[in-house]
Amino acid sequence: MKHTISVLVENEFGVLTRVAGLFSGRGFNIESLSVAPTVDPSISRMTIVTRGDEQILEQITKQLNKLIDTIKVITGAPAKVDAIVELLRPMGVKELVRSGPVVLGRGAKGWRGTE
């Protein structure tokens, strides 16, 4: 099963290398990776797509949370994207383009674990 993992990290040198190393060191594959700073330039959001069962997803999540630069980990399945597309369809959406995964946090509260 394909999983999308959103990780808020400190925007510091070497964080991407540590996250990629976590995956490769445990034999997990990254199918897609997108990284960009958030509104707060000291924080970046990583969107990672990987495959595995629920046990593998849980292990990845736990390992990501152990990294010192990790602020918060949010996970989801592609079915959530399909669900929002179906909810929007009655509103008269004329055209929709799906590209590589990008994740936004839900809620208006801050991203230091207060959502």
PDB file of N, CA and C in Angstrom:
ATOM      1  N   MET A   1       0.835  -1.182   0.000  1.00  0.00           N
ATOM      2  CA  MET A   1       0.000   0.000   0.000  1.00  0.00           C
ATOM      3  C   MET A   1       0.883   1.248   0.000  1.00  0.00           C
ATOM      4  N   LYS A   2       0.456   2.241  -0.742  1.00  0.00           N
ATOM      5  CA  LYS A   2       1.194   3.503  -0.840  1.00  0.00           C
ATOM      6  C   LYS A   2       0.766   4.421   0.308  1.00  0.00           C
ATOM      7  N   HIS A   3       1.750   5.100   0.916  1.00  0.00           N
ATOM      8  CA  HIS A   3       1.486   6.024   2.026  1.00  0.00           C
ATOM      9  C   HIS A   3       2.171   7.357   1.771  1.00  0.00           C
ATOM     10  N   THR A   4       1.501   8.428   2.159  1.00  0.00           N
ATOM     11  CA  THR A   4       2.079   9.768   2.109  1.00  0.00           C
ATOM     12  C   THR A   4       2.373  10.193   3.537  1.00  0.00           C
ATOM     13  N   ILE A   5       3.595  10.634   3.764  1.00  0.00           N
ATOM     14  CA  ILE A   5       4.032  11.042   5.101  1.00  0.00           C
ATOM     15  C   ILE A   5       4.467  12.500   5.021  1.00  0.00           C
ATOM     16  N   SER A   6       3.890  13.322   5.863  1.00  0.00           N
ATOM     17  CA  SER A   6       4.278  14.728   5.945  1.00  0.00           C
ATOM     18  C   SER A   6       5.083  14.914   7.224  1.00  0.00           C
ATOM     19  N   VAL A   7       6.262  15.504   7.087  1.00  0.00           N
ATOM     20  CA  VAL A   7       7.156  15.672   8.229  1.00  0.00           C
ATOM     21  C   VAL A   7       7.578  17.131   8.317  1.00  0.00           C
ATOM     22  N   LEU A   8       7.303  17.748   9.454  1.00  0.00           N
ATOM     23  CA  LEU A   8       7.807  19.098   9.711  1.00  0.00           C
ATOM     24  C   LEU A   8       9.153  18.955  10.398  1.00  0.00           C
ATOM     25  N   VAL A   9      10.159  19.600   9.836  1.00  0.00           N
ATOM     26  CA  VAL A   9      11.520  19.489  10.370  1.00  0.00           C
ATOM     27  C   VAL A   9      12.137  20.877  10.508  1.00  0.00           C
ATOM     28  N   GLU A  10      13.153  20.941  11.351  1.00  0.00           N
ATOM     29  CA  GLU A  10      13.940  22.168  11.443  1.00  0.00           C
ATOM     30  C   GLU A  10      14.622  22.368  10.101  1.00  0.00           C
ATOM     31  N   ASN A  11      14.606  23.572   9.581  1.00  0.00           N
ATOM     32  CA  ASN A  11      15.226  23.875   8.292  1.00  0.00           C
ATOM     33  C   ASN A  11      16.718  24.102   8.522  1.00  0.00           C
ATOM     34  N   GLU A  12      17.453  22.995   8.656  1.00  0.00           N
ATOM     35  CA  GLU A  12      18.877  23.062   8.942  1.00  0.00           C
ATOM     36  C   GLU A  12      19.654  22.141   8.013  1.00  0.00           C
ATOM     37  N   PHE A  13      20.913  22.442   7.862  1.00  0.00           N
ATOM     38  CA  PHE A  13      21.819  21.664   7.031  1.00  0.00           C
ATOM     39  C   PHE A  13      21.854  20.205   7.503  1.00  0.00           C
ATOM     40  N   GLY A  14      21.720  19.264   6.557  1.00  0.00           N
ATOM     41  CA  GLY A  14      21.874  17.843   6.860  1.00  0.00           C
ATOM     42  C   GLY A  14      20.602  17.097   7.220  1.00  0.00           C
ATOM     43  N   VAL A  15      19.482  17.799   7.402  1.00  0.00           N
ATOM     44  CA  VAL A  15      18.240  17.132   7.795  1.00  0.00           C
ATOM     45  C   VAL A  15      17.775  16.183   6.693  1.00  0.00           C
ATOM     46  N   LEU A  16      17.788  16.623   5.450  1.00  0.00           N
ATOM     47  CA  LEU A  16      17.378  15.766   4.343  1.00  0.00           C
ATOM     48  C   LEU A  16      18.235  14.506   4.277  1.00  0.00           C
ATOM     49  N   THR A  17      19.521  14.653   4.480  1.00  0.00           N
ATOM     50  CA  THR A  17      20.426  13.500   4.462  1.00  0.00           C
ATOM     51  C   THR A  17      20.088  12.518   5.568  1.00  0.00           C
ATOM     52  N   ARG A  18      19.769  13.022   6.758  1.00  0.00           N
ATOM     53  CA  ARG A  18      19.417  12.138   7.871  1.00  0.00           C
ATOM     54  C   ARG A  18      18.118  11.391   7.603  1.00  0.00           C
ATOM     55  N   VAL A  19      17.133  12.075   7.038  1.00  0.00           N
ATOM     56  CA  VAL A  19      15.856  11.416   6.733  1.00  0.00           C
ATOM     57  C   VAL A  19      16.053  10.364   5.645  1.00  0.00           C
ATOM     58  N   ALA A  20      16.763  10.708   4.579  1.00  0.00           N
ATOM     59  CA  ALA A  20      17.021   9.740   3.506  1.00  0.00           C
ATOM     60  C   ALA A  20      17.821   8.553   4.043  1.00  0.00           C
ATOM     61  N   GLY A  21      18.767   8.810   4.915  1.00  0.00           N
ATOM     62  CA  GLY A  21      19.561   7.747   5.521  1.00  0.00           C
ATOM     63  C   GLY A  21      18.725   6.813   6.378  1.00  0.00           C
ATOM     64  N   LEU A  22      17.742   7.378   7.051  1.00  0.00           N
ATOM     65  CA  LEU A  22      16.830   6.558   7.855  1.00  0.00           C
ATOM     66  C   LEU A  22      16.120   5.545   6.967  1.00  0.00           C
ATOM     67  N   PHE A  23      15.633   6.000   5.810  1.00  0.00           N
ATOM     68  CA  PHE A  23      14.936   5.108   4.884  1.00  0.00           C
ATOM     69  C   PHE A  23      15.880   4.062   4.301  1.00  0.00           C
ATOM     70  N   SER A  24      17.016   4.508   3.784  1.00  0.00           N
ATOM     71  CA  SER A  24      17.923   3.563   3.120  1.00  0.00           C
ATOM     72  C   SER A  24      18.540   2.587   4.115  1.00  0.00           C
ATOM     73  N   GLY A  25      18.821   3.030   5.314  1.00  0.00           N
ATOM     74  CA  GLY A  25      19.420   2.164   6.329  1.00  0.00           C
ATOM     75  C   GLY A  25      18.504   1.037   6.780  1.00  0.00           C
ATOM     76  N   ARG A  26      17.221   1.225   6.598  1.00  0.00           N
ATOM     77  CA  ARG A  26      16.250   0.204   7.001  1.00  0.00           C
ATOM     78  C   ARG A  26      15.637  -0.521   5.799  1.00  0.00           C
ATOM     79  N   GLY A  27      16.137  -0.202   4.615  1.00  0.00           N
ATOM     80  CA  GLY A  27      15.667  -0.892   3.419  1.00  0.00           C
ATOM     81  C   GLY A  27      14.316  -0.432   2.910  1.00  0.00           C
ATOM     82  N   PHE A  28      13.893   0.790   3.278  1.00  0.00           N
ATOM     83  CA  PHE A  28      12.631   1.336   2.795  1.00  0.00           C
ATOM     84  C   PHE A  28      12.909   2.210   1.580  1.00  0.00           C
ATOM     85  N   ASN A  29      12.026   2.178   0.615  1.00  0.00           N
ATOM     86  CA  ASN A  29      12.193   2.970  -0.589  1.00  0.00           C
ATOM     87  C   ASN A  29      11.379   4.257  -0.505  1.00  0.00           C
ATOM     88  N   ILE A  30      11.945   5.351  -0.992  1.00  0.00           N
ATOM     89  CA  ILE A  30      11.218   6.606  -1.133  1.00  0.00           C
ATOM     90  C   ILE A  30      10.789   6.703  -2.587  1.00  0.00           C
ATOM     91  N   GLU A  31       9.483   6.695  -2.845  1.00  0.00           N
ATOM     92  CA  GLU A  31       8.981   6.800  -4.215  1.00  0.00           C
ATOM     93  C   GLU A  31       8.920   8.243  -4.686  1.00  0.00           C
ATOM     94  N   SER A  32       8.660   9.155  -3.757  1.00  0.00           N
ATOM     95  CA  SER A  32       8.556  10.567  -4.095  1.00  0.00           C
ATOM     96  C   SER A  32       8.960  11.369  -2.866  1.00  0.00           C
ATOM     97  N   LEU A  33       9.637  12.495  -3.111  1.00  0.00           N
ATOM     98  CA  LEU A  33      10.090  13.347  -2.018  1.00  0.00           C
ATOM     99  C   LEU A  33      10.011  14.802  -2.456  1.00  0.00           C
ATOM    100  N   SER A  34       9.370  15.609  -1.643  1.00  0.00           N
ATOM    101  CA  SER A  34       9.266  17.042  -1.899  1.00  0.00           C
ATOM    102  C   SER A  34       9.593  17.764  -0.599  1.00  0.00           C
ATOM    103  N   VAL A  35      10.455  18.774  -0.677  1.00  0.00           N
ATOM    104  CA  VAL A  35      10.859  19.521   0.515  1.00  0.00           C
ATOM    105  C   VAL A  35      10.809  21.009   0.202  1.00  0.00           C
ATOM    106  N   ALA A  36      10.217  21.782   1.118  1.00  0.00           N
ATOM    107  CA  ALA A  36      10.176  23.231   0.942  1.00  0.00           C
ATOM    108  C   ALA A  36       9.979  23.902   2.297  1.00  0.00           C
ATOM    109  N   PRO A  37      10.493  25.121   2.436  1.00  0.00           N
ATOM    110  CA  PRO A  37      10.261  25.856   3.678  1.00  0.00           C
ATOM    111  C   PRO A  37       8.780  26.191   3.833  1.00  0.00           C
ATOM    112  N   THR A  38       8.347  26.319   5.067  1.00  0.00           N
ATOM    113  CA  THR A  38       6.968  26.725   5.361  1.00  0.00           C
ATOM    114  C   THR A  38       6.925  28.244   5.468  1.00  0.00           C
ATOM    115  N   VAL A  39       5.822  28.778   5.957  1.00  0.00           N
ATOM    116  CA  VAL A  39       5.708  30.222   6.188  1.00  0.00           C
ATOM    117  C   VAL A  39       6.801  30.681   7.153  1.00  0.00           C
ATOM    118  N   ASP A  40       7.118  29.821   8.100  1.00  0.00           N
ATOM    119  CA  ASP A  40       8.221  30.074   9.028  1.00  0.00           C
ATOM    120  C   ASP A  40       9.500  29.547   8.373  1.00  0.00           C
ATOM    121  N   PRO A  41      10.424  30.414   7.980  1.00  0.00           N
ATOM    122  CA  PRO A  41      11.614  29.960   7.256  1.00  0.00           C
ATOM    123  C   PRO A  41      12.533  29.037   8.060  1.00  0.00           C
ATOM    124  N   SER A  42      12.315  28.907   9.350  1.00  0.00           N
ATOM    125  CA  SER A  42      13.142  28.003  10.153  1.00  0.00           C
ATOM    126  C   SER A  42      12.606  26.569  10.137  1.00  0.00           C
ATOM    127  N   ILE A  43      11.436  26.366   9.482  1.00  0.00           N
ATOM    128  CA  ILE A  43      10.795  25.052   9.431  1.00  0.00           C
ATOM    129  C   ILE A  43      10.529  24.675   7.981  1.00  0.00           C
ATOM    130  N   SER A  44      10.809  23.415   7.641  1.00  0.00           N
ATOM    131  CA  SER A  44      10.502  22.895   6.310  1.00  0.00           C
ATOM    132  C   SER A  44       9.506  21.752   6.427  1.00  0.00           C
ATOM    133  N   ARG A  45       8.743  21.543   5.353  1.00  0.00           N
ATOM    134  CA  ARG A  45       7.826  20.407   5.280  1.00  0.00           C
ATOM    135  C   ARG A  45       8.357  19.443   4.237  1.00  0.00           C
ATOM    136  N   MET A  46       8.517  18.192   4.649  1.00  0.00           N
ATOM    137  CA  MET A  46       8.917  17.129   3.738  1.00  0.00           C
ATOM    138  C   MET A  46       7.680  16.279   3.458  1.00  0.00           C
ATOM    139  N   THR A  47       7.413  16.033   2.194  1.00  0.00           N
ATOM    140  CA  THR A  47       6.331  15.140   1.811  1.00  0.00           C
ATOM    141  C   THR A  47       6.986  13.920   1.178  1.00  0.00           C
ATOM    142  N   ILE A  48       6.804  12.780   1.820  1.00  0.00           N
ATOM    143  CA  ILE A  48       7.455  11.546   1.400  1.00  0.00           C
ATOM    144  C   ILE A  48       6.388  10.525   1.039  1.00  0.00           C
ATOM    145  N   VAL A  49       6.534   9.893  -0.123  1.00  0.00           N
ATOM    146  CA  VAL A  49       5.638   8.801  -0.511  1.00  0.00           C
ATOM    147  C   VAL A  49       6.451   7.518  -0.492  1.00  0.00           C
ATOM    148  N   THR A  50       5.922   6.507   0.177  1.00  0.00           N
ATOM    149  CA  THR A  50       6.581   5.220   0.293  1.00  0.00           C
ATOM    150  C   THR A  50       5.539   4.115   0.232  1.00  0.00           C
ATOM    151  N   ARG A  51       5.980   2.883   0.108  1.00  0.00           N
ATOM    152  CA  ARG A  51       5.077   1.730   0.081  1.00  0.00           C
ATOM    153  C   ARG A  51       5.386   0.815   1.254  1.00  0.00           C
ATOM    154  N   GLY A  52       4.334   0.173   1.749  1.00  0.00           N
ATOM    155  CA  GLY A  52       4.500  -0.795   2.829  1.00  0.00           C
ATOM    156  C   GLY A  52       3.189  -1.011   3.544  1.00  0.00           C
ATOM    157  N   ASP A  53       3.169  -2.007   4.403  1.00  0.00           N
ATOM    158  CA  ASP A  53       1.955  -2.276   5.175  1.00  0.00           C
ATOM    159  C   ASP A  53       1.907  -1.334   6.383  1.00  0.00           C
ATOM    160  N   GLU A  54       0.891  -1.507   7.200  1.00  0.00           N
ATOM    161  CA  GLU A  54       0.709  -0.626   8.367  1.00  0.00           C
ATOM    162  C   GLU A  54       1.861  -0.754   9.359  1.00  0.00           C
ATOM    163  N   GLN A  55       2.420  -1.942   9.478  1.00  0.00           N
ATOM    164  CA  GLN A  55       3.541  -2.146  10.394  1.00  0.00           C
ATOM    165  C   GLN A  55       4.769  -1.356   9.942  1.00  0.00           C
ATOM    166  N   ILE A  56       5.043  -1.369   8.651  1.00  0.00           N
ATOM    167  CA  ILE A  56       6.175  -0.605   8.119  1.00  0.00           C
ATOM    168  C   ILE A  56       5.932   0.892   8.293  1.00  0.00           C
ATOM    169  N   LEU A  57       4.703   1.346   8.019  1.00  0.00           N
ATOM    170  CA  LEU A  57       4.374   2.762   8.203  1.00  0.00           C
ATOM    171  C   LEU A  57       4.573   3.176   9.657  1.00  0.00           C
ATOM    172  N   GLU A  58       4.147   2.342  10.576  1.00  0.00           N
ATOM    173  CA  GLU A  58       4.310   2.645  11.997  1.00  0.00           C
ATOM    174  C   GLU A  58       5.792   2.723  12.366  1.00  0.00           C
ATOM    175  N   GLN A  59       6.595   1.804  11.835  1.00  0.00           N
ATOM    176  CA  GLN A  59       8.025   1.811  12.112  1.00  0.00           C
ATOM    177  C   GLN A  59       8.687   3.069  11.552  1.00  0.00           C
ATOM    178  N   ILE A  60       8.325   3.446  10.329  1.00  0.00           N
ATOM    179  CA  ILE A  60       8.881   4.666   9.725  1.00  0.00           C
ATOM    180  C   ILE A  60       8.509   5.882  10.567  1.00  0.00           C
ATOM    181  N   THR A  61       7.243   5.966  10.961  1.00  0.00           N
ATOM    182  CA  THR A  61       6.770   7.098  11.764  1.00  0.00           C
ATOM    183  C   THR A  61       7.540   7.193  13.083  1.00  0.00           C
ATOM    184  N   LYS A  62       7.709   6.070  13.750  1.00  0.00           N
ATOM    185  CA  LYS A  62       8.452   6.073  15.020  1.00  0.00           C
ATOM    186  C   LYS A  62       9.893   6.519  14.815  1.00  0.00           C
ATOM    187  N   GLN A  63      10.536   6.013  13.754  1.00  0.00           N
ATOM    188  CA  GLN A  63      11.928   6.388  13.489  1.00  0.00           C
ATOM    189  C   GLN A  63      12.051   7.871  13.142  1.00  0.00           C
ATOM    190  N   LEU A  64      11.105   8.395  12.351  1.00  0.00           N
ATOM    191  CA  LEU A  64      11.126   9.826  12.017  1.00  0.00           C
ATOM    192  C   LEU A  64      10.961  10.675  13.262  1.00  0.00           C
ATOM    193  N   ASN A  65      10.083  10.260  14.166  1.00  0.00           N
ATOM    194  CA  ASN A  65       9.868  11.016  15.399  1.00  0.00           C
ATOM    195  C   ASN A  65      11.098  11.018  16.296  1.00  0.00           C
ATOM    196  N   LYS A  66      11.963  10.021  16.154  1.00  0.00           N
ATOM    197  CA  LYS A  66      13.184   9.952  16.964  1.00  0.00           C
ATOM    198  C   LYS A  66      14.272  10.915  16.477  1.00  0.00           C
ATOM    199  N   LEU A  67      14.197  11.330  15.215  1.00  0.00           N
ATOM    200  CA  LEU A  67      15.205  12.254  14.697  1.00  0.00           C
ATOM    201  C   LEU A  67      15.104  13.587  15.425  1.00  0.00           C
ATOM    202  N   ILE A  68      16.226  14.115  15.834  1.00  0.00           N
ATOM    203  CA  ILE A  68      16.249  15.324  16.650  1.00  0.00           C
ATOM    204  C   ILE A  68      15.649  16.544  15.943  1.00  0.00           C
ATOM    205  N   ASP A  69      15.749  16.601  14.616  1.00  0.00           N
ATOM    206  CA  ASP A  69      15.250  17.757  13.878  1.00  0.00           C
ATOM    207  C   ASP A  69      13.769  17.665  13.524  1.00  0.00           C
ATOM    208  N   THR A  70      13.128  16.548  13.857  1.00  0.00           N
ATOM    209  CA  THR A  70      11.712  16.365  13.532  1.00  0.00           C
ATOM    210  C   THR A  70      10.840  17.112  14.527  1.00  0.00           C
ATOM    211  N   ILE A  71       9.882  17.867  13.999  1.00  0.00           N
ATOM    212  CA  ILE A  71       8.929  18.586  14.838  1.00  0.00           C
ATOM    213  C   ILE A  71       7.628  17.798  14.937  1.00  0.00           C
ATOM    214  N   LYS A  72       7.117  17.319  13.786  1.00  0.00           N
ATOM    215  CA  LYS A  72       5.838  16.612  13.781  1.00  0.00           C
ATOM    216  C   LYS A  72       5.745  15.737  12.532  1.00  0.00           C
ATOM    217  N   VAL A  73       5.101  14.539  12.665  1.00  0.00           N
ATOM    218  CA  VAL A  73       4.873  13.625  11.546  1.00  0.00           C
ATOM    219  C   VAL A  73       3.354  13.459  11.398  1.00  0.00           C
ATOM    220  N   ILE A  74       2.847  13.679  10.150  1.00  0.00           N
ATOM    221  CA  ILE A  74       1.452  13.475   9.770  1.00  0.00           C
ATOM    222  C   ILE A  74       1.418  12.476   8.655  1.00  0.00           C
ATOM    223  N   THR A  75       0.520  11.368   8.628  1.00  0.00           N
ATOM    224  CA  THR A  75       0.502  10.366   7.560  1.00  0.00           C
ATOM    225  C   THR A  75      -0.876  10.330   6.922  1.00  0.00           C
ATOM    226  N   GLY A  76      -0.954   9.755   5.654  1.00  0.00           N
ATOM    227  CA  GLY A  76      -2.239   9.636   4.966  1.00  0.00           C
ATOM    228  C   GLY A  76      -2.142   8.689   3.802  1.00  0.00           C
ATOM    229  N   ALA A  77      -3.294   8.283   3.316  1.00  0.00           N
ATOM    230  CA  ALA A  77      -3.364   7.361   2.186  1.00  0.00           C
ATOM    231  C   ALA A  77      -3.906   8.103   0.964  1.00  0.00           C
ATOM    232  N   PRO A  78      -3.552   7.650  -0.238  1.00  0.00           N
ATOM    233  CA  PRO A  78      -4.070   8.295  -1.457  1.00  0.00           C
ATOM    234  C   PRO A  78      -5.597   8.328  -1.518  1.00  0.00           C
ATOM    235  N   ALA A  79      -6.262   7.445  -0.808  1.00  0.00           N
ATOM    236  CA  ALA A  79      -7.728   7.436  -0.794  1.00  0.00           C
ATOM    237  C   ALA A  79      -8.282   8.759  -0.257  1.00  0.00           C
ATOM    238  N   LYS A  80      -7.529   9.441   0.603  1.00  0.00           N
ATOM    239  CA  LYS A  80      -7.984  10.735   1.124  1.00  0.00           C
ATOM    240  C   LYS A  80      -8.053  11.771   0.003  1.00  0.00           C
ATOM    241  N   VAL A  81      -7.100  11.731  -0.923  1.00  0.00           N
ATOM    242  CA  VAL A  81      -7.123  12.650  -2.056  1.00  0.00           C
ATOM    243  C   VAL A  81      -8.329  12.335  -2.940  1.00  0.00           C
ATOM    244  N   ASP A  82      -8.555  11.056  -3.196  1.00  0.00           N
ATOM    245  CA  ASP A  82      -9.712  10.653  -3.993  1.00  0.00           C
ATOM    246  C   ASP A  82     -11.007  11.125  -3.346  1.00  0.00           C
ATOM    247  N   ALA A  83     -11.086  11.049  -2.023  1.00  0.00           N
ATOM    248  CA  ALA A  83     -12.292  11.458  -1.306  1.00  0.00           C
ATOM    249  C   ALA A  83     -12.554  12.959  -1.458  1.00  0.00           C
ATOM    250  N   ILE A  84     -11.519  13.784  -1.356  1.00  0.00           N
ATOM    251  CA  ILE A  84     -11.730  15.229  -1.498  1.00  0.00           C
ATOM    252  C   ILE A  84     -12.117  15.585  -2.925  1.00  0.00           C
ATOM    253  N   VAL A  85     -11.555  14.885  -3.903  1.00  0.00           N
ATOM    254  CA  VAL A  85     -11.932  15.122  -5.300  1.00  0.00           C
ATOM    255  C   VAL A  85     -13.423  14.835  -5.488  1.00  0.00           C
ATOM    256  N   GLU A  86     -13.907  13.764  -4.908  1.00  0.00           N
ATOM    257  CA  GLU A  86     -15.332  13.424  -5.022  1.00  0.00           C
ATOM    258  C   GLU A  86     -16.205  14.452  -4.309  1.00  0.00           C
ATOM    259  N   LEU A  87     -15.734  14.994  -3.190  1.00  0.00           N
ATOM    260  CA  LEU A  87     -16.490  16.029  -2.478  1.00  0.00           C
ATOM    261  C   LEU A  87     -16.556  17.325  -3.284  1.00  0.00           C
ATOM    262  N   LEU A  88     -15.514  17.622  -4.034  1.00  0.00           N
ATOM    263  CA  LEU A  88     -15.462  18.855  -4.823  1.00  0.00           C
ATOM    264  C   LEU A  88     -16.235  18.753  -6.136  1.00  0.00           C
ATOM    265  N   ARG A  89     -16.422  17.543  -6.640  1.00  0.00           N
ATOM    266  CA  ARG A  89     -17.062  17.341  -7.943  1.00  0.00           C
ATOM    267  C   ARG A  89     -18.421  18.035  -8.064  1.00  0.00           C
ATOM    268  N   PRO A  90     -19.326  17.961  -7.068  1.00  0.00           N
ATOM    269  CA  PRO A  90     -20.624  18.637  -7.186  1.00  0.00           C
ATOM    270  C   PRO A  90     -20.539  20.164  -7.246  1.00  0.00           C
ATOM    271  N   MET A  91     -19.404  20.725  -6.916  1.00  0.00           N
ATOM    272  CA  MET A  91     -19.243  22.179  -6.918  1.00  0.00           C
ATOM    273  C   MET A  91     -18.918  22.727  -8.299  1.00  0.00           C
ATOM    274  N   GLY A  92     -18.867  21.858  -9.278  1.00  0.00           N
ATOM    275  CA  GLY A  92     -18.659  22.315 -10.645  1.00  0.00           C
ATOM    276  C   GLY A  92     -17.212  22.489 -11.039  1.00  0.00           C
ATOM    277  N   VAL A  93     -16.324  21.721 -10.460  1.00  0.00           N
ATOM    278  CA  VAL A  93     -14.919  21.798 -10.848  1.00  0.00           C
ATOM    279  C   VAL A  93     -14.817  21.413 -12.316  1.00  0.00           C
ATOM    280  N   LYS A  94     -14.268  22.291 -13.122  1.00  0.00           N
ATOM    281  CA  LYS A  94     -14.180  22.072 -14.564  1.00  0.00           C
ATOM    282  C   LYS A  94     -12.998  21.186 -14.936  1.00  0.00           C
ATOM    283  N   GLU A  95     -11.890  21.389 -14.251  1.00  0.00           N
ATOM    284  CA  GLU A  95     -10.691  20.640 -14.581  1.00  0.00           C
ATOM    285  C   GLU A  95      -9.855  20.469 -13.324  1.00  0.00           C
ATOM    286  N   LEU A  96      -9.191  19.342 -13.227  1.00  0.00           N
ATOM    287  CA  LEU A  96      -8.370  19.048 -12.067  1.00  0.00           C
ATOM    288  C   LEU A  96      -7.095  18.380 -12.550  1.00  0.00           C
ATOM    289  N   VAL A  97      -5.973  18.816 -12.037  1.00  0.00           N
ATOM    290  CA  VAL A  97      -4.692  18.226 -12.393  1.00  0.00           C
ATOM    291  C   VAL A  97      -4.076  17.661 -11.124  1.00  0.00           C
ATOM    292  N   ARG A  98      -3.661  16.407 -11.195  1.00  0.00           N
ATOM    293  CA  ARG A  98      -2.977  15.787 -10.056  1.00  0.00           C
ATOM    294  C   ARG A  98      -1.514  15.642 -10.414  1.00  0.00           C
ATOM    295  N   SER A  99      -0.681  16.173  -9.559  1.00  0.00           N
ATOM    296  CA  SER A  99       0.758  16.072  -9.790  1.00  0.00           C
ATOM    297  C   SER A  99       1.358  15.282  -8.639  1.00  0.00           C
ATOM    298  N   GLY A 100       2.639  15.443  -8.429  1.00  0.00           N
ATOM    299  CA  GLY A 100       3.290  14.776  -7.312  1.00  0.00           C
ATOM    300  C   GLY A 100       2.682  15.229  -6.000  1.00  0.00           C
ATOM    301  N   PRO A 101       2.725  14.381  -4.996  1.00  0.00           N
ATOM    302  CA  PRO A 101       2.107  14.696  -3.708  1.00  0.00           C
ATOM    303  C   PRO A 101       2.743  15.893  -3.011  1.00  0.00           C
ATOM    304  N   VAL A 102       1.904  16.741  -2.476  1.00  0.00           N
ATOM    305  CA  VAL A 102       2.305  17.844  -1.620  1.00  0.00           C
ATOM    306  C   VAL A 102       1.289  17.874  -0.496  1.00  0.00           C
ATOM    307  N   VAL A 103       1.744  18.040   0.726  1.00  0.00           N
ATOM    308  CA  VAL A 103       0.856  17.961   1.874  1.00  0.00           C
ATOM    309  C   VAL A 103       0.809  19.299   2.588  1.00  0.00           C
ATOM    310  N   LEU A 104      -0.382  19.689   3.002  1.00  0.00           N
ATOM    311  CA  LEU A 104      -0.583  20.869   3.832  1.00  0.00           C
ATOM    312  C   LEU A 104      -1.186  20.416   5.147  1.00  0.00           C
ATOM    313  N   GLY A 105      -0.780  21.048   6.228  1.00  0.00           N
ATOM    314  CA  GLY A 105      -1.343  20.711   7.521  1.00  0.00           C
ATOM    315  C   GLY A 105      -2.780  21.181   7.629  1.00  0.00           C
ATOM    316  N   ARG A 106      -3.587  20.466   8.417  1.00  0.00           N
ATOM    317  CA  ARG A 106      -4.966  20.878   8.623  1.00  0.00           C
ATOM    318  C   ARG A 106      -5.057  21.753   9.863  1.00  0.00           C
ATOM    319  N   GLY A 107      -5.991  22.682   9.871  1.00  0.00           N
ATOM    320  CA  GLY A 107      -6.223  23.516  11.045  1.00  0.00           C
ATOM    321  C   GLY A 107      -5.465  24.823  10.976  1.00  0.00           C
ATOM    322  N   ALA A 108      -5.909  25.768  11.773  1.00  0.00           N
ATOM    323  CA  ALA A 108      -5.330  27.112  11.748  1.00  0.00           C
ATOM    324  C   ALA A 108      -4.303  27.317  12.844  1.00  0.00           C
ATOM    325  N   LYS A 109      -4.100  26.328  13.713  1.00  0.00           N
ATOM    326  CA  LYS A 109      -3.162  26.495  14.811  1.00  0.00           C
ATOM    327  C   LYS A 109      -1.733  26.273  14.339  1.00  0.00           C
ATOM    328  N   GLY A 110      -0.796  26.557  15.204  1.00  0.00           N
ATOM    329  CA  GLY A 110       0.623  26.441  14.861  1.00  0.00           C
ATOM    330  C   GLY A 110       1.053  25.020  14.568  1.00  0.00           C
ATOM    331  N   TRP A 111       2.304  24.862  14.094  1.00  0.00           N
ATOM    332  CA  TRP A 111       2.781  23.549  13.685  1.00  0.00           C
ATOM    333  C   TRP A 111       3.722  22.916  14.686  1.00  0.00           C
ATOM    334  N   ARG A 112       3.835  23.469  15.835  1.00  0.00           N
ATOM    335  CA  ARG A 112       4.698  22.842  16.841  1.00  0.00           C
ATOM    336  C   ARG A 112       3.887  21.913  17.742  1.00  0.00           C
ATOM    337  N   GLY A 113       3.061  21.072  17.072  1.00  0.00           N
ATOM    338  CA  GLY A 113       2.311  20.056  17.817  1.00  0.00           C
ATOM    339  C   GLY A 113       1.015  20.555  18.415  1.00  0.00           C
ATOM    340  N   THR A 114       0.519  21.718  17.986  1.00  0.00           N
ATOM    341  CA  THR A 114      -0.686  22.265  18.584  1.00  0.00           C
ATOM    342  C   THR A 114      -1.905  22.182  17.668  1.00  0.00           C
ATOM    343  N   GLU A 115      -1.808  21.446  16.563  1.00  0.00           N
ATOM    344  CA  GLU A 115      -2.951  21.329  15.658  1.00  0.00           C
ATOM    345  C   GLU A 115      -3.984  20.389  16.233  1.00  0.00           C
TER     346      GLU A 115
END
